[in-house]
Amino acid sequence: MRMFQKTAWIWFLGFAAWLADALLSLRLHNILHARLALMIAIVFFTAGLFYRRQT
């Protein structure tokens, strides 16, 4: 197992944190921040998928 595969969970943890931030921002009616947090969450999720597939 390579280093990236062992640490891919960090990207998914970041995804979960940014997604929670987006949902909280929606709850607080801060749409602009929620959109930004959702975009960052998508980047973290994509990076997690990329690093998980490294062989």
Protein backbone atom coordinates (compact mmCIF):
# COMPACT_ATOMS: atom_id res chain seq x y z
CA MET A 1 0.00 0.00 0.00
CA ARG A 2 1.39 3.36 -0.94
CA MET A 3 1.48 6.45 1.19
CA PHE A 4 -1.39 8.12 -0.68
CA GLN A 5 -3.73 5.18 -0.16
CA LYS A 6 -3.04 5.19 3.56
CA THR A 7 -3.86 8.89 3.87
CA ALA A 8 -6.83 9.13 1.50
CA TRP A 9 -9.21 9.10 4.49
CA ILE A 10 -7.95 12.59 5.42
CA TRP A 11 -9.49 13.96 2.22
CA PHE A 12 -12.82 12.31 3.02
CA LEU A 13 -12.68 13.74 6.53
CA GLY A 14 -12.14 17.19 5.02
CA PHE A 15 -15.08 16.55 2.69
CA ALA A 16 -17.32 15.73 5.65
CA ALA A 17 -16.19 18.84 7.54
CA TRP A 18 -16.83 21.16 4.58
CA LEU A 19 -20.16 19.52 3.88
CA ALA A 20 -21.20 20.03 7.50
CA ASP A 21 -20.11 23.67 7.20
CA ALA A 22 -22.22 24.07 4.06
CA LEU A 23 -25.28 22.58 5.74
CA LEU A 24 -24.81 24.80 8.80
CA SER A 25 -24.47 27.85 6.56
CA LEU A 26 -27.71 26.94 4.79
CA ARG A 27 -29.41 26.61 8.17
CA LEU A 28 -28.15 30.08 9.07
CA HIS A 29 -29.34 31.47 5.68
CA ASN A 30 -25.83 32.33 4.48
CA ILE A 31 -26.23 31.10 0.91
CA LEU A 32 -22.96 32.51 -0.46
CA HIS A 33 -20.85 30.79 2.20
CA ALA A 34 -22.83 27.57 1.76
CA ARG A 35 -22.12 27.52 -1.99
CA LEU A 36 -18.41 28.15 -1.42
CA ALA A 37 -18.21 25.44 1.24
CA LEU A 38 -20.01 23.00 -1.04
CA MET A 39 -17.56 23.69 -3.87
CA ILE A 40 -14.62 23.11 -1.54
CA ALA A 41 -16.26 19.89 -0.28
CA ILE A 42 -16.52 18.63 -3.85
CA VAL A 43 -12.81 19.33 -4.37
CA PHE A 44 -11.96 17.38 -1.22
CA PHE A 45 -14.17 14.46 -2.30
CA THR A 46 -12.59 14.37 -5.75
CA ALA A 47 -9.10 14.45 -4.26
CA GLY A 48 -10.04 11.60 -1.91
CA LEU A 49 -11.22 9.49 -4.84
CA PHE A 50 -8.05 10.28 -6.77
CA TYR A 51 -5.69 9.38 -3.92
CA ARG A 52 -7.64 6.26 -3.04
CA ARG A 53 -7.18 4.91 -6.58
CA GLN A 54 -3.42 5.41 -6.63
CA THR A 55 -1.55 2.10 -6.97
